[in-house]
Amino acid sequence: MLGWLALLFAMLAGLFAVVQNHAGGFDQISNLPIAAAVVITLFVLYAATFGGRLSSGVRGLRLGQMAAAVIVIAAAGYAASRLPALQALIPFGQQADTDQTAASGSGPVSVRIRKASDGRFVARSEINGNAMDCVIDSGAATVMLRASDAEKAGFDIKALTFNTPIETANGTGYAATVQLRSIEIGTLKIDNIEALVAKPGSLNESLLGMNFLRRLASYEVTGDFVTLRQ
C-alpha cells in the first residue's frame, strides 16, 4: 500500500512540474497528457485500494507489470505533447485549439440595434470613453455631435472654431471639426475618426454618419434591426 501511495505522489509531482514549466500555463497544455495522467491516477488508486485482494496468480497483476503499464502510458502522453503532427490526428486535441481561437476574440464583431418607436436607430455609444446616445444616420455625411455631447467627450466648446459650413434643414450652418479617439458600440470599436461639433442649440441629437458607417465591414437593416459588422 505504501509503495502505491509513493508512486501516486511521484506522478502528481511530475504533473505539477510540467504545469509550472509550461510557458502557456495549464490551460494551454494538450488534452492528451492530462487525460493520460487522469487515467493513470485512477488506475493507481484502484490498484492501491483493491490490489491487496488480488491473488498472485492469473487474477492479479504483478507490481512490475503495472509499473511497466504506467511507464508506457506516460511515455505515450509525453510523446503526443511533443509531436504536433501526432496531436493533429487526435480529435479532442483539435477541439482544444478551436476553443482557444474562439476565446481569443478573433473573427468579425457584430452589433444589433433595435429600431426605436419613432423609427430611428439609437445606439448607446461611448465616444472618447464617455457614454451617450447617437442616432445612426446614413443621410449624414459625417459623425456630428451636439455641443453637450462634445463636452462629455472632453472638448472645450469655447475653444472650438465653428468655420466648417454644413447644410441643415434651416439652411447653411457652421460646425467645428474635431478628431475623436474612439467610438464604441458594444464590442465594436472605431479609432481615430473625424467628427463635426454643432453650435450650441443647433442640433438636437448626435449622429453617426457615413464616415463612421464606411469604416465598418458592413451594415444592413433587416426588419426592426440594424446590424453593424466590423
Protein backbone atom coordinates (compact mmCIF):
# COMPACT_ATOMS: atom_id res chain seq x y z
CA MET A 1 0.00 0.00 0.00
CA LEU A 2 2.82 2.40 0.91
CA GLY A 3 4.50 1.71 -2.43
CA TRP A 4 1.35 2.61 -4.35
CA LEU A 5 0.99 5.89 -2.43
CA ALA A 6 4.61 6.75 -3.15
CA LEU A 7 4.05 6.08 -6.87
CA LEU A 8 0.91 8.24 -6.89
CA PHE A 9 2.76 11.07 -5.15
CA ALA A 10 5.58 10.90 -7.70
CA MET A 11 3.10 11.05 -10.61
CA LEU A 12 1.28 14.08 -9.18
CA ALA A 13 4.59 15.83 -8.54
CA GLY A 14 5.62 15.21 -12.14
CA LEU A 15 2.35 16.63 -13.47
CA PHE A 16 2.76 19.71 -11.26
CA ALA A 17 6.28 20.23 -12.59
CA VAL A 18 5.02 20.08 -16.19
CA VAL A 19 2.33 22.67 -15.43
CA GLN A 20 4.78 25.00 -13.70
CA ASN A 21 7.31 24.85 -16.52
CA HIS A 22 4.82 25.18 -19.41
CA ALA A 23 5.03 28.67 -20.90
CA GLY A 24 1.34 28.91 -21.74
CA GLY A 25 0.00 27.82 -18.36
CA PHE A 26 -2.24 24.88 -17.51
CA ASP A 27 -4.98 25.81 -19.98
CA GLN A 28 -2.52 25.64 -22.90
CA ILE A 29 -1.33 22.06 -22.22
CA SER A 30 -2.54 19.44 -24.67
CA ASN A 31 -5.52 17.38 -23.53
CA LEU A 32 -3.77 14.06 -24.20
CA PRO A 33 -1.14 14.20 -21.41
CA ILE A 34 -3.78 15.44 -18.97
CA ALA A 35 -6.17 12.67 -19.92
CA ALA A 36 -3.38 10.10 -19.61
CA ALA A 37 -2.46 11.44 -16.17
CA VAL A 38 -6.07 11.17 -15.02
CA VAL A 39 -6.39 7.60 -16.30
CA ILE A 40 -3.12 6.56 -14.67
CA THR A 41 -4.08 8.20 -11.37
CA LEU A 42 -7.41 6.38 -11.28
CA PHE A 43 -5.65 3.13 -12.17
CA VAL A 44 -3.14 3.54 -9.35
CA LEU A 45 -5.87 4.44 -6.86
CA TYR A 46 -7.81 1.34 -7.88
CA ALA A 47 -4.74 -0.85 -7.52
CA ALA A 48 -3.87 0.69 -4.16
CA THR A 49 -7.38 0.03 -2.87
CA PHE A 50 -8.05 -3.41 -4.28
CA GLY A 51 -4.57 -4.67 -5.14
CA GLY A 52 -4.23 -6.40 -1.78
CA ARG A 53 -7.27 -8.53 -2.58
CA LEU A 54 -5.84 -9.82 -5.85
CA SER A 55 -4.07 -13.12 -5.83
CA SER A 56 -0.62 -13.55 -7.25
CA GLY A 57 -2.00 -15.97 -9.90
CA VAL A 58 -3.86 -15.33 -13.15
CA ARG A 59 -6.36 -12.96 -11.48
CA GLY A 60 -3.74 -10.47 -10.31
CA LEU A 61 -1.25 -8.13 -11.82
CA ARG A 62 2.28 -8.02 -10.52
CA LEU A 63 3.80 -4.75 -9.43
CA GLY A 64 6.36 -4.89 -12.24
CA GLN A 65 3.68 -5.30 -14.89
CA MET A 66 1.65 -2.42 -13.51
CA ALA A 67 4.70 -0.18 -13.31
CA ALA A 68 5.55 -1.02 -16.91
CA ALA A 69 2.00 -0.08 -18.00
CA VAL A 70 2.29 3.23 -16.17
CA ILE A 71 5.61 3.99 -17.90
CA VAL A 72 4.25 3.13 -21.36
CA ILE A 73 1.14 5.32 -20.98
CA ALA A 74 3.15 8.22 -19.54
CA ALA A 75 5.66 7.96 -22.40
CA ALA A 76 2.85 7.99 -24.97
CA GLY A 77 1.32 11.09 -23.37
CA TYR A 78 4.69 12.85 -23.34
CA ALA A 79 5.36 11.94 -26.98
CA ALA A 80 1.96 13.26 -28.03
CA SER A 81 2.57 16.52 -26.19
CA ARG A 82 5.87 16.96 -28.04
CA LEU A 83 4.84 16.00 -31.59
CA PRO A 84 2.41 18.44 -33.28
CA ALA A 85 1.90 16.04 -36.17
CA LEU A 86 0.66 13.35 -33.78
CA GLN A 87 -1.54 15.83 -31.93
CA ALA A 88 -3.18 16.81 -35.22
CA LEU A 89 -4.52 13.24 -35.51
CA ILE A 90 -6.28 13.38 -32.14
CA PRO A 91 -9.82 14.82 -32.39
CA PHE A 92 -10.02 16.26 -28.89
CA GLY A 93 -6.62 17.94 -29.33
CA GLN A 94 -8.00 19.77 -32.37
CA GLN A 95 -11.07 20.78 -30.42
CA ALA A 96 -8.87 22.41 -27.76
CA ASP A 97 -7.17 24.53 -30.47
CA THR A 98 -10.57 25.58 -31.84
CA ASP A 99 -11.84 26.59 -28.41
CA GLN A 100 -8.71 28.63 -27.79
CA THR A 101 -9.17 30.52 -31.08
CA ALA A 102 -12.79 31.32 -30.22
CA ALA A 103 -11.83 32.53 -26.75
CA SER A 104 -9.17 34.84 -28.15
CA GLY A 105 -11.89 37.00 -29.72
CA SER A 106 -10.74 36.65 -33.31
CA GLY A 107 -13.24 36.89 -36.15
CA PRO A 108 -15.87 39.50 -37.07
CA VAL A 109 -17.62 41.63 -34.45
CA SER A 110 -21.30 42.45 -34.92
CA VAL A 111 -23.81 44.56 -33.02
CA ARG A 112 -27.60 44.60 -33.50
CA ILE A 113 -29.66 47.67 -32.61
CA ARG A 114 -33.45 47.63 -32.36
CA LYS A 115 -35.48 50.38 -34.01
CA ALA A 116 -36.99 52.89 -31.60
CA SER A 117 -40.70 53.66 -31.55
CA ASP A 118 -40.09 56.79 -33.67
CA GLY A 119 -38.36 54.72 -36.37
CA ARG A 120 -34.78 55.78 -35.58
CA PHE A 121 -31.88 53.51 -34.67
CA VAL A 122 -30.41 54.93 -31.48
CA ALA A 123 -27.07 53.44 -30.44
CA ARG A 124 -25.88 53.52 -26.86
CA SER A 125 -22.36 54.62 -27.66
CA GLU A 126 -19.16 55.61 -25.94
CA ILE A 127 -17.24 58.45 -27.55
CA ASN A 128 -13.75 59.01 -26.17
CA GLY A 129 -14.82 56.67 -23.37
CA ASN A 130 -17.92 58.68 -22.38
CA ALA A 131 -21.44 57.26 -22.69
CA MET A 132 -24.00 59.00 -24.89
CA ASP A 133 -26.83 58.13 -27.29
CA CYS A 134 -26.25 58.63 -31.01
CA VAL A 135 -28.61 58.18 -33.95
CA ILE A 136 -27.31 56.07 -36.82
CA ASP A 137 -27.97 58.27 -39.85
CA SER A 138 -26.85 57.21 -43.33
CA GLY A 139 -28.12 60.58 -44.61
CA ALA A 140 -25.41 62.45 -42.66
CA ALA A 141 -22.01 62.70 -44.30
CA THR A 142 -20.01 62.62 -41.05
CA VAL A 143 -20.27 61.98 -37.35
CA MET A 144 -21.83 65.07 -35.82
CA LEU A 145 -22.03 65.82 -32.11
CA ARG A 146 -24.30 68.25 -30.41
CA ALA A 147 -22.46 70.66 -28.14
CA SER A 148 -23.40 68.95 -24.85
CA ASP A 149 -22.17 65.55 -26.12
CA ALA A 150 -18.94 67.14 -27.37
CA GLU A 151 -18.34 68.44 -23.86
CA LYS A 152 -18.92 64.92 -22.49
CA ALA A 153 -16.31 63.69 -24.97
CA GLY A 154 -13.79 66.12 -23.47
CA PHE A 155 -13.92 69.12 -25.82
CA ASP A 156 -13.98 72.74 -24.66
CA ILE A 157 -16.77 74.28 -26.72
CA LYS A 158 -15.45 77.80 -26.19
CA ALA A 159 -12.09 76.82 -27.66
CA LEU A 160 -13.55 75.37 -30.88
CA THR A 161 -13.66 77.25 -34.17
CA PHE A 162 -17.01 76.94 -35.95
CA ASN A 163 -15.94 77.60 -39.53
CA THR A 164 -16.96 74.42 -41.40
CA PRO A 165 -20.12 75.02 -43.46
CA ILE A 166 -22.87 72.41 -43.21
CA GLU A 167 -26.28 72.15 -44.84
CA THR A 168 -29.20 71.91 -42.44
CA ALA A 169 -32.98 71.98 -42.77
CA ASN A 170 -32.82 75.67 -41.91
CA GLY A 171 -30.13 76.48 -44.44
CA THR A 172 -26.35 76.70 -44.16
CA GLY A 173 -24.83 76.45 -40.71
CA TYR A 174 -21.33 76.15 -39.30
CA ALA A 175 -19.66 73.48 -37.23
CA ALA A 176 -16.25 72.81 -35.70
CA THR A 177 -14.02 69.98 -36.89
CA VAL A 178 -12.59 67.67 -34.22
CA GLN A 179 -10.77 64.33 -34.10
CA LEU A 180 -12.28 61.57 -31.93
CA ARG A 181 -10.08 58.97 -30.28
CA SER A 182 -12.72 56.28 -30.47
CA ILE A 183 -16.38 55.41 -30.96
CA GLU A 184 -17.60 52.24 -29.26
CA ILE A 185 -20.93 50.45 -29.56
CA GLY A 186 -20.90 47.28 -27.50
CA THR A 187 -17.90 45.22 -28.62
CA LEU A 188 -17.49 47.24 -31.83
CA LYS A 189 -14.83 49.98 -31.81
CA ILE A 190 -13.63 52.51 -34.39
CA ASP A 191 -10.50 54.51 -33.58
CA ASN A 192 -9.33 57.92 -34.83
CA ILE A 193 -12.29 59.30 -36.71
CA GLU A 194 -13.14 62.86 -37.71
CA ALA A 195 -16.33 64.50 -36.48
CA LEU A 196 -18.14 67.81 -36.50
CA VAL A 197 -19.43 69.66 -33.46
CA ALA A 198 -22.57 71.71 -33.97
CA LYS A 199 -23.02 75.10 -32.37
CA PRO A 200 -24.88 75.00 -29.05
CA GLY A 201 -28.64 74.79 -29.59
CA SER A 202 -28.44 73.96 -33.31
CA LEU A 203 -28.58 70.14 -33.09
CA ASN A 204 -31.00 68.05 -31.06
CA GLU A 205 -29.16 64.72 -31.24
CA SER A 206 -25.72 63.41 -32.11
CA LEU A 207 -25.41 61.50 -35.38
CA LEU A 208 -23.23 58.63 -36.57
CA GLY A 209 -22.94 59.42 -40.27
CA MET A 210 -21.39 57.85 -43.32
CA ASN A 211 -17.72 58.35 -42.39
CA PHE A 212 -18.44 56.07 -39.42
CA LEU A 213 -20.50 53.55 -41.40
CA ARG A 214 -17.85 53.31 -44.13
CA ARG A 215 -15.29 52.22 -41.54
CA LEU A 216 -17.38 49.11 -40.84
CA ALA A 217 -17.11 45.86 -42.77
CA SER A 218 -20.85 46.11 -43.48
CA TYR A 219 -24.17 47.32 -42.12
CA GLU A 220 -27.70 46.28 -43.01
CA VAL A 221 -31.25 46.91 -41.93
CA THR A 222 -33.48 43.85 -41.53
CA GLY A 223 -36.95 44.39 -40.14
CA ASP A 224 -36.72 46.24 -36.84
CA PHE A 225 -32.96 45.82 -36.50
CA VAL A 226 -29.80 47.32 -37.95
CA THR A 227 -26.72 45.11 -37.81
CA LEU A 228 -23.25 46.67 -37.71
CA ARG A 229 -20.28 44.43 -38.53
CA GLN A 230 -16.61 45.13 -38.10
